[in-house]
C-alpha atoms as a PDB file:
ATOM      1  CA  UNK A   1     135.871  79.248 -19.550  1.00  0.00           C
ATOM      2  CA  UNK A   2     137.892  82.206 -20.837  1.00  0.00           C
ATOM      3  CA  UNK A   3     136.026  82.114 -24.166  1.00  0.00           C
ATOM      4  CA  UNK A   4     132.666  82.365 -22.439  1.00  0.00           C
ATOM      5  CA  UNK A   5     133.780  85.365 -20.386  1.00  0.00           C
ATOM      6  CA  UNK A   6     135.316  87.223 -23.334  1.00  0.00           C
ATOM      7  CA  UNK A   7     132.003  88.116 -25.010  1.00  0.00           C
ATOM      8  CA  UNK A   8     130.386  89.771 -21.965  1.00  0.00           C
ATOM      9  CA  UNK A   9     133.650  91.622 -21.328  1.00  0.00           C
ATOM     10  CA  UNK A  10     133.656  93.020 -24.856  1.00  0.00           C
ATOM     11  CA  UNK A  11     130.030  94.113 -24.485  1.00  0.00           C
ATOM     12  CA  UNK A  12     130.824  95.913 -21.260  1.00  0.00           C
ATOM     13  CA  UNK A  13     133.703  97.743 -22.895  1.00  0.00           C
ATOM     14  CA  UNK A  14     131.520  98.825 -25.853  1.00  0.00           C
ATOM     15  CA  UNK A  15     128.740  99.978 -23.535  1.00  0.00           C
ATOM     16  CA  UNK A  16     131.230 102.065 -21.593  1.00  0.00           C
ATOM     17  CA  UNK A  17     132.545 103.751 -24.735  1.00  0.00           C
ATOM     18  CA  UNK A  18     129.199 104.497 -26.465  1.00  0.00           C
ATOM     19  CA  UNK A  19     127.451 107.593 -25.023  1.00  0.00           C
ATOM     20  CA  UNK A  20     123.969 107.035 -23.680  1.00  0.00           C
ATOM     21  CA  UNK A  21     121.426 109.358 -25.327  1.00  0.00           C
ATOM     22  CA  UNK A  22     118.982 110.976 -22.865  1.00  0.00           C
ATOM     23  CA  UNK A  23     115.419 109.766 -23.076  1.00  0.00           C
ATOM     24  CA  UNK A  24     112.844 112.537 -22.582  1.00  0.00           C
ATOM     25  CA  UNK A  25     111.027 111.935 -19.339  1.00  0.00           C
ATOM     26  CA  UNK A  26     107.411 112.700 -18.572  1.00  0.00           C
ATOM     27  CA  UNK A  27     108.588 115.443 -16.204  1.00  0.00           C
ATOM     28  CA  UNK A  28     110.600 117.095 -18.985  1.00  0.00           C
ATOM     29  CA  UNK A  29     107.564 117.098 -21.274  1.00  0.00           C
ATOM     30  CA  UNK A  30     105.444 118.662 -18.538  1.00  0.00           C
ATOM     31  CA  UNK A  31     108.106 121.305 -17.929  1.00  0.00           C
ATOM     32  CA  UNK A  32     108.114 122.199 -21.618  1.00  0.00           C
ATOM     33  CA  UNK A  33     104.332 122.676 -21.574  1.00  0.00           C
ATOM     34  CA  UNK A  34     104.592 124.831 -18.470  1.00  0.00           C
ATOM     35  CA  UNK A  35     107.341 126.929 -20.041  1.00  0.00           C
ATOM     36  CA  UNK A  36     105.238 127.488 -23.150  1.00  0.00           C
ATOM     37  CA  UNK A  37     102.254 128.440 -21.019  1.00  0.00           C
ATOM     38  CA  UNK A  38     104.307 130.863 -18.916  1.00  0.00           C
ATOM     39  CA  UNK A  39     105.714 132.434 -22.063  1.00  0.00           C
ATOM     40  CA  UNK A  40     102.185 132.941 -23.418  1.00  0.00           C
ATOM     41  CA  UNK A  41     100.912 134.605 -20.249  1.00  0.00           C
ATOM     42  CA  UNK A  42     104.013 136.786 -19.975  1.00  0.00           C
ATOM     43  CA  UNK A  43     103.515 138.052 -23.529  1.00  0.00           C
ATOM     44  CA  UNK A  44      99.745 138.317 -23.006  1.00  0.00           C
ATOM     45  CA  UNK A  45     100.367 140.606 -20.023  1.00  0.00           C
ATOM     46  CA  UNK A  46     102.764 142.694 -22.113  1.00  0.00           C
ATOM     47  CA  UNK A  47      99.973 143.236 -24.613  1.00  0.00           C
ATOM     48  CA  UNK A  48      97.560 144.205 -21.847  1.00  0.00           C
ATOM     49  CA  UNK A  49     100.090 146.717 -20.547  1.00  0.00           C
ATOM     50  CA  UNK A  50     100.155 148.363 -23.983  1.00  0.00           C
ATOM     51  CA  UNK A  51      96.342 148.383 -24.019  1.00  0.00           C
ATOM     52  CA  UNK A  52      96.024 149.774 -20.479  1.00  0.00           C
ATOM     53  CA  UNK A  53      98.433 152.602 -21.339  1.00  0.00           C
ATOM     54  CA  UNK A  54      96.303 153.495 -24.406  1.00  0.00           C
ATOM     55  CA  UNK A  55      99.077 152.363 -26.772  1.00  0.00           C
ATOM     56  CA  UNK A  56      96.530 150.673 -29.018  1.00  0.00           C
ATOM     57  CA  UNK A  57      98.700 150.374 -32.133  1.00  0.00           C
ATOM     58  CA  UNK A  58     101.402 148.545 -30.174  1.00  0.00           C
ATOM     59  CA  UNK A  59      98.752 146.421 -28.447  1.00  0.00           C
ATOM     60  CA  UNK A  60      97.188 145.368 -31.752  1.00  0.00           C
ATOM     61  CA  UNK A  61     100.560 144.443 -33.283  1.00  0.00           C
ATOM     62  CA  UNK A  62     101.514 142.505 -30.149  1.00  0.00           C
ATOM     63  CA  UNK A  63      98.282 140.521 -29.959  1.00  0.00           C
ATOM     64  CA  UNK A  64      98.337 139.775 -33.707  1.00  0.00           C
ATOM     65  CA  UNK A  65     101.819 138.290 -33.281  1.00  0.00           C
ATOM     66  CA  UNK A  66     100.713 136.328 -30.232  1.00  0.00           C
ATOM     67  CA  UNK A  67      97.669 134.930 -32.004  1.00  0.00           C
ATOM     68  CA  UNK A  68      99.739 133.781 -34.993  1.00  0.00           C
ATOM     69  CA  UNK A  69     102.095 131.809 -32.720  1.00  0.00           C
ATOM     70  CA  UNK A  70      99.441 130.192 -30.537  1.00  0.00           C
ATOM     71  CA  UNK A  71      96.871 128.816 -32.935  1.00  0.00           C
ATOM     72  CA  UNK A  72      95.179 126.446 -30.477  1.00  0.00           C
ATOM     73  CA  UNK A  73      94.078 128.068 -27.240  1.00  0.00           C
ATOM     74  CA  UNK A  74      91.288 127.366 -24.746  1.00  0.00           C
ATOM     75  CA  UNK A  75      88.205 129.229 -25.911  1.00  0.00           C
ATOM     76  CA  UNK A  76      88.128 131.785 -23.055  1.00  0.00           C
ATOM     77  CA  UNK A  77      91.716 132.801 -23.860  1.00  0.00           C
ATOM     78  CA  UNK A  78      90.974 132.984 -27.581  1.00  0.00           C
ATOM     79  CA  UNK A  79      88.009 135.239 -26.889  1.00  0.00           C
ATOM     80  CA  UNK A  80      90.133 137.529 -24.735  1.00  0.00           C
ATOM     81  CA  UNK A  81      92.608 137.887 -27.601  1.00  0.00           C
ATOM     82  CA  UNK A  82      89.672 138.705 -29.897  1.00  0.00           C
ATOM     83  CA  UNK A  83      88.503 141.341 -27.419  1.00  0.00           C
ATOM     84  CA  UNK A  84      91.846 143.081 -27.090  1.00  0.00           C
ATOM     85  CA  UNK A  85      92.348 143.064 -30.852  1.00  0.00           C
ATOM     86  CA  UNK A  86      88.828 144.305 -31.590  1.00  0.00           C
ATOM     87  CA  UNK A  87      88.898 147.021 -28.938  1.00  0.00           C
ATOM     88  CA  UNK A  88      92.380 148.176 -30.006  1.00  0.00           C
ATOM     89  CA  UNK A  89      91.311 148.506 -33.635  1.00  0.00           C
ATOM     90  CA  UNK A  90      88.129 150.284 -32.535  1.00  0.00           C
ATOM     91  CA  UNK A  91      90.152 152.826 -30.546  1.00  0.00           C
ATOM     92  CA  UNK A  92      92.319 153.318 -33.640  1.00  0.00           C
ATOM     93  CA  UNK A  93      89.105 153.988 -35.627  1.00  0.00           C
ATOM     94  CA  UNK A  94      89.840 150.980 -37.847  1.00  0.00           C
ATOM     95  CA  UNK A  95      86.203 149.945 -37.676  1.00  0.00           C
ATOM     96  CA  UNK A  96      86.171 147.390 -40.511  1.00  0.00           C
ATOM     97  CA  UNK A  97      89.099 145.550 -38.903  1.00  0.00           C
ATOM     98  CA  UNK A  98      87.598 145.738 -35.416  1.00  0.00           C
ATOM     99  CA  UNK A  99      84.123 144.490 -36.309  1.00  0.00           C
ATOM    100  CA  UNK A 100      84.772 140.739 -36.879  1.00  0.00           C
ATOM    101  CA  UNK A 101      86.728 140.430 -33.627  1.00  0.00           C
ATOM    102  CA  UNK A 102      84.015 142.192 -31.620  1.00  0.00           C
ATOM    103  CA  UNK A 103      81.233 140.178 -33.247  1.00  0.00           C
ATOM    104  CA  UNK A 104      82.832 136.972 -31.937  1.00  0.00           C
ATOM    105  CA  UNK A 105      82.194 138.185 -28.400  1.00  0.00           C
ATOM    106  CA  UNK A 106      78.910 140.060 -28.578  1.00  0.00           C
ATOM    107  CA  UNK A 107      76.701 136.970 -28.343  1.00  0.00           C
ATOM    108  CA  UNK A 108      78.820 134.947 -25.897  1.00  0.00           C
ATOM    109  CA  UNK A 109      77.155 133.747 -22.681  1.00  0.00           C
ATOM    110  CA  UNK A 110      80.322 134.241 -20.587  1.00  0.00           C
ATOM    111  CA  UNK A 111      83.076 136.832 -20.036  1.00  0.00           C
ATOM    112  CA  UNK A 112      80.322 139.387 -19.326  1.00  0.00           C
ATOM    113  CA  UNK A 113      82.514 142.507 -18.982  1.00  0.00           C
ATOM    114  CA  UNK A 114      84.251 141.796 -22.303  1.00  0.00           C
ATOM    115  CA  UNK A 115      80.939 140.928 -23.936  1.00  0.00           C
ATOM    116  CA  UNK A 116      79.201 144.163 -22.900  1.00  0.00           C
ATOM    117  CA  UNK A 117      82.151 146.352 -23.852  1.00  0.00           C
ATOM    118  CA  UNK A 118      82.316 144.585 -27.220  1.00  0.00           C
ATOM    119  CA  UNK A 119      78.568 145.119 -27.665  1.00  0.00           C
ATOM    120  CA  UNK A 120      78.810 148.859 -26.946  1.00  0.00           C
ATOM    121  CA  UNK A 121      81.694 149.177 -29.403  1.00  0.00           C
ATOM    122  CA  UNK A 122      79.633 147.389 -32.050  1.00  0.00           C
ATOM    123  CA  UNK A 123      76.729 149.736 -31.304  1.00  0.00           C
ATOM    124  CA  UNK A 124      79.068 152.605 -32.118  1.00  0.00           C
ATOM    125  CA  UNK A 125      80.306 150.979 -35.348  1.00  0.00           C
ATOM    126  CA  UNK A 126      76.812 150.128 -36.588  1.00  0.00           C
ATOM    127  CA  UNK A 127      75.443 153.574 -35.672  1.00  0.00           C
ATOM    128  CA  UNK A 128      78.260 155.272 -37.590  1.00  0.00           C
ATOM    129  CA  UNK A 129      77.096 153.349 -40.656  1.00  0.00           C
ATOM    130  CA  UNK A 130      73.442 154.122 -40.013  1.00  0.00           C
ATOM    131  CA  UNK A 131      72.615 150.436 -39.479  1.00  0.00           C
ATOM    132  CA  UNK A 132      69.698 150.831 -37.085  1.00  0.00           C
ATOM    133  CA  UNK A 133      68.567 147.204 -37.358  1.00  0.00           C
ATOM    134  CA  UNK A 134      72.007 145.968 -36.243  1.00  0.00           C
ATOM    135  CA  UNK A 135      72.068 148.472 -33.376  1.00  0.00           C
ATOM    136  CA  UNK A 136      68.705 147.242 -32.089  1.00  0.00           C
ATOM    137  CA  UNK A 137      69.698 143.585 -32.543  1.00  0.00           C
ATOM    138  CA  UNK A 138      72.966 143.919 -30.606  1.00  0.00           C
ATOM    139  CA  UNK A 139      71.372 146.001 -27.854  1.00  0.00           C
ATOM    140  CA  UNK A 140      68.471 143.625 -27.303  1.00  0.00           C
ATOM    141  CA  UNK A 141      70.764 140.585 -27.304  1.00  0.00           C
ATOM    142  CA  UNK A 142      73.053 142.157 -24.705  1.00  0.00           C
ATOM    143  CA  UNK A 143      70.187 143.526 -22.581  1.00  0.00           C
ATOM    144  CA  UNK A 144      68.625 140.050 -22.371  1.00  0.00           C
ATOM    145  CA  UNK A 145      71.640 138.710 -20.448  1.00  0.00           C
ATOM    146  CA  UNK A 146      71.656 138.542 -16.638  1.00  0.00           C
ATOM    147  CA  UNK A 147      73.753 141.700 -16.201  1.00  0.00           C
ATOM    148  CA  UNK A 148      75.054 143.290 -13.044  1.00  0.00           C
ATOM    149  CA  UNK A 149      73.706 146.831 -12.409  1.00  0.00           C
ATOM    150  CA  UNK A 150      77.092 148.278 -13.405  1.00  0.00           C
ATOM    151  CA  UNK A 151      77.162 146.456 -16.742  1.00  0.00           C
ATOM    152  CA  UNK A 152      73.554 147.419 -17.391  1.00  0.00           C
ATOM    153  CA  UNK A 153      74.504 151.083 -16.933  1.00  0.00           C
ATOM    154  CA  UNK A 154      77.431 150.744 -19.353  1.00  0.00           C
ATOM    155  CA  UNK A 155      75.212 149.090 -21.954  1.00  0.00           C
ATOM    156  CA  UNK A 156      72.440 151.693 -21.680  1.00  0.00           C
ATOM    157  CA  UNK A 157      74.926 154.571 -21.886  1.00  0.00           C
ATOM    158  CA  UNK A 158      76.567 153.037 -24.962  1.00  0.00           C
ATOM    159  CA  UNK A 159      73.155 152.537 -26.536  1.00  0.00           C
ATOM    160  CA  UNK A 160      72.154 156.155 -25.836  1.00  0.00           C
ATOM    161  CA  UNK A 161      75.248 157.322 -27.734  1.00  0.00           C
ATOM    162  CA  UNK A 162      74.381 155.040 -30.660  1.00  0.00           C
ATOM    163  CA  UNK A 163      70.764 156.239 -30.842  1.00  0.00           C
ATOM    164  CA  UNK A 164      71.918 159.859 -30.643  1.00  0.00           C
ATOM    165  CA  UNK A 165      74.089 159.242 -33.700  1.00  0.00           C
ATOM    166  CA  UNK A 166      71.059 157.688 -35.420  1.00  0.00           C
ATOM    167  CA  UNK A 167      68.936 160.748 -34.596  1.00  0.00           C
ATOM    168  CA  UNK A 168      66.489 158.856 -32.354  1.00  0.00           C
ATOM    169  CA  UNK A 169      66.440 161.563 -29.720  1.00  0.00           C
ATOM    170  CA  UNK A 170      63.528 160.409 -27.582  1.00  0.00           C
ATOM    171  CA  UNK A 171      65.120 156.976 -27.282  1.00  0.00           C
ATOM    172  CA  UNK A 172      68.261 158.727 -26.026  1.00  0.00           C
ATOM    173  CA  UNK A 173      66.313 160.387 -23.225  1.00  0.00           C
ATOM    174  CA  UNK A 174      64.492 157.194 -22.354  1.00  0.00           C
ATOM    175  CA  UNK A 175      67.816 155.431 -21.830  1.00  0.00           C
ATOM    176  CA  UNK A 176      69.373 158.363 -19.960  1.00  0.00           C
ATOM    177  CA  UNK A 177      66.541 158.525 -17.422  1.00  0.00           C
ATOM    178  CA  UNK A 178      66.891 154.782 -16.841  1.00  0.00           C
ATOM    179  CA  UNK A 179      70.530 155.043 -15.735  1.00  0.00           C
ATOM    180  CA  UNK A 180      71.246 154.926 -11.991  1.00  0.00           C
ATOM    181  CA  UNK A 181      71.757 158.582 -10.941  1.00  0.00           C
ATOM    182  CA  UNK A 182      74.570 157.606  -8.548  1.00  0.00           C
ATOM    183  CA  UNK A 183      76.914 156.465 -11.323  1.00  0.00           C
ATOM    184  CA  UNK A 184      79.485 158.481 -13.309  1.00  0.00           C
ATOM    185  CA  UNK A 185      77.595 157.692 -16.523  1.00  0.00           C
ATOM    186  CA  UNK A 186      74.417 159.415 -15.299  1.00  0.00           C
ATOM    187  CA  UNK A 187      75.457 163.091 -15.707  1.00  0.00           C
ATOM    188  CA  UNK A 188      77.042 162.353 -19.075  1.00  0.00           C
ATOM    189  CA  UNK A 189      73.891 160.568 -20.228  1.00  0.00           C
ATOM    190  CA  UNK A 190      71.703 163.468 -19.062  1.00  0.00           C
ATOM    191  CA  UNK A 191      73.928 165.968 -20.877  1.00  0.00           C
ATOM    192  CA  UNK A 192      73.636 163.883 -24.042  1.00  0.00           C
ATOM    193  CA  UNK A 193      69.879 163.723 -23.502  1.00  0.00           C
ATOM    194  CA  UNK A 194      69.754 167.513 -23.219  1.00  0.00           C
ATOM    195  CA  UNK A 195      71.529 167.847 -26.567  1.00  0.00           C
ATOM    196  CA  UNK A 196      69.064 165.342 -28.016  1.00  0.00           C
ATOM    197  CA  UNK A 197      66.067 167.245 -26.694  1.00  0.00           C
ATOM    198  CA  UNK A 198      67.440 170.513 -28.062  1.00  0.00           C
ATOM    199  CA  UNK A 199      67.803 168.887 -31.461  1.00  0.00           C
ATOM    200  CA  UNK A 200      64.197 167.678 -31.142  1.00  0.00           C
ATOM    201  CA  UNK A 201      63.166 171.220 -30.071  1.00  0.00           C
ATOM    202  CA  UNK A 202      61.809 169.869 -26.773  1.00  0.00           C
ATOM    203  CA  UNK A 203      63.360 172.630 -24.706  1.00  0.00           C
ATOM    204  CA  UNK A 204      61.434 171.895 -21.520  1.00  0.00           C
ATOM    205  CA  UNK A 205      62.832 168.347 -21.404  1.00  0.00           C
ATOM    206  CA  UNK A 206      66.335 169.659 -22.121  1.00  0.00           C
ATOM    207  CA  UNK A 207      66.017 172.129 -19.239  1.00  0.00           C
ATOM    208  CA  UNK A 208      64.921 169.342 -16.875  1.00  0.00           C
ATOM    209  CA  UNK A 209      67.885 167.152 -17.832  1.00  0.00           C
ATOM    210  CA  UNK A 210      70.437 169.924 -17.332  1.00  0.00           C
ATOM    211  CA  UNK A 211      68.979 170.920 -13.971  1.00  0.00           C
ATOM    212  CA  UNK A 212      69.165 167.289 -12.850  1.00  0.00           C
ATOM    213  CA  UNK A 213      72.914 167.381 -13.475  1.00  0.00           C
ATOM    214  CA  UNK A 214      73.414 170.684 -11.649  1.00  0.00           C
ATOM    215  CA  UNK A 215      71.398 169.517  -8.640  1.00  0.00           C
ATOM    216  CA  UNK A 216      74.015 166.838  -8.025  1.00  0.00           C
ATOM    217  CA  UNK A 217      77.277 168.791  -8.126  1.00  0.00           C
ATOM    218  CA  UNK A 218      78.654 166.626  -5.308  1.00  0.00           C
ATOM    219  CA  UNK A 219      78.468 163.618  -7.593  1.00  0.00           C
ATOM    220  CA  UNK A 220      80.408 165.478 -10.292  1.00  0.00           C
ATOM    221  CA  UNK A 221      83.213 166.119  -7.817  1.00  0.00           C
ATOM    222  CA  UNK A 222      83.076 162.595  -6.442  1.00  0.00           C
ATOM    223  CA  UNK A 223      83.619 161.089  -9.881  1.00  0.00           C
ATOM    224  CA  UNK A 224      86.140 163.769 -10.890  1.00  0.00           C
ATOM    225  CA  UNK A 225      83.976 165.011 -13.746  1.00  0.00           C
ATOM    226  CA  UNK A 226      83.268 168.504 -12.421  1.00  0.00           C
ATOM    227  CA  UNK A 227      84.652 169.797 -15.733  1.00  0.00           C
ATOM    228  CA  UNK A 228      81.185 168.990 -17.144  1.00  0.00           C
ATOM    229  CA  UNK A 229      79.587 171.723 -15.049  1.00  0.00           C
ATOM    230  CA  UNK A 230      80.548 174.755 -17.225  1.00  0.00           C
ATOM    231  CA  UNK A 231      79.305 172.966 -20.356  1.00  0.00           C
ATOM    232  CA  UNK A 232      76.009 172.152 -18.622  1.00  0.00           C
ATOM    233  CA  UNK A 233      75.613 175.759 -17.449  1.00  0.00           C
ATOM    234  CA  UNK A 234      76.314 177.251 -20.875  1.00  0.00           C
ATOM    235  CA  UNK A 235      73.877 174.831 -22.476  1.00  0.00           C
ATOM    236  CA  UNK A 236      71.217 175.688 -19.914  1.00  0.00           C
ATOM    237  CA  UNK A 237      71.728 179.387 -20.680  1.00  0.00           C
ATOM    238  CA  UNK A 238      71.190 178.619 -24.359  1.00  0.00           C
ATOM    239  CA  UNK A 239      68.007 176.701 -23.578  1.00  0.00           C
ATOM    240  CA  UNK A 240      66.658 179.685 -21.621  1.00  0.00           C
ATOM    241  CA  UNK A 241      67.640 182.000 -24.479  1.00  0.00           C
ATOM    242  CA  UNK A 242      65.824 179.807 -27.007  1.00  0.00           C
ATOM    243  CA  UNK A 243      62.794 179.827 -24.702  1.00  0.00           C
ATOM    244  CA  UNK A 244      62.848 183.617 -24.693  1.00  0.00           C
ATOM    245  CA  UNK A 245      63.785 183.715 -20.992  1.00  0.00           C
ATOM    246  CA  UNK A 246      66.633 186.160 -21.512  1.00  0.00           C
ATOM    247  CA  UNK A 247      66.998 187.231 -17.887  1.00  0.00           C
ATOM    248  CA  UNK A 248      67.363 183.614 -16.760  1.00  0.00           C
ATOM    249  CA  UNK A 249      69.888 183.028 -19.532  1.00  0.00           C
ATOM    250  CA  UNK A 250      72.084 185.897 -18.318  1.00  0.00           C
ATOM    251  CA  UNK A 251      71.741 184.794 -14.686  1.00  0.00           C
ATOM    252  CA  UNK A 252      73.002 181.306 -15.542  1.00  0.00           C
ATOM    253  CA  UNK A 253      75.897 182.674 -17.581  1.00  0.00           C
ATOM    254  CA  UNK A 254      77.073 184.822 -14.666  1.00  0.00           C
ATOM    255  CA  UNK A 255      77.360 181.625 -12.582  1.00  0.00           C
ATOM    256  CA  UNK A 256      79.584 179.793 -15.051  1.00  0.00           C
ATOM    257  CA  UNK A 257      82.915 178.844 -13.549  1.00  0.00           C
ATOM    258  CA  UNK A 258      85.508 177.438 -15.892  1.00  0.00           C
ATOM    259  CA  UNK A 259      88.031 175.583 -13.644  1.00  0.00           C
ATOM    260  CA  UNK A 260      90.995 176.282 -15.915  1.00  0.00           C
ATOM    261  CA  UNK A 261      90.532 180.053 -15.405  1.00  0.00           C
ATOM    262  CA  UNK A 262      90.187 179.967 -11.629  1.00  0.00           C
ATOM    263  CA  UNK A 263      93.029 181.633  -9.610  1.00  0.00           C
END
């Protein structure tokens, strides 16, 4: 009887002396995934803070590091990283580096705000290189999407800047007149159109565009872009001068008010 009991007793003693190694539970594995996810979003927000404060060099370095550590991400998150990298490099005028990131987004059917901003940045890059065919291709692809009125305005304004750089001045005016006049882009687009029309020697059209801006001074104040007004007035005076309307030119110049010189 004692012999039979001795073996179990020995086993109990051994079991008591040998430490029990913890076995990872399902909850622990889930917690690790959550921790990794929280760490990603915390660092992602840090990068966005750099971007929102116009610290584009720091933002680019941060997002490059983040991308190298998280190789497999859901596609929407991956595309957002591409956007922040592409837009940061574009702001830094590193156009060759920015282009491949922005091209990943330009034809996407989702993330519309990122897609349209990426498209307008690509319009700028292609126009700087004189690549008209690429400008038209990107613009038409973006314009074919079901855009909100606000995104449509942003796209048309970006396209007008690209076509101005390409020297297609009538296309600039066509886009400017299409923009909703109650948006902050409208006066800027009309001013750009006026420059375009002056370059095309269509002074009557330039005069019309500048007067459209001045007729809506309330909108300039509302969008805090009243600093455009002196530039518009001086340009209008030049248009009148080029038309030979010297009296009108002087009259406009006497109305110019530069805010920084006001008492």
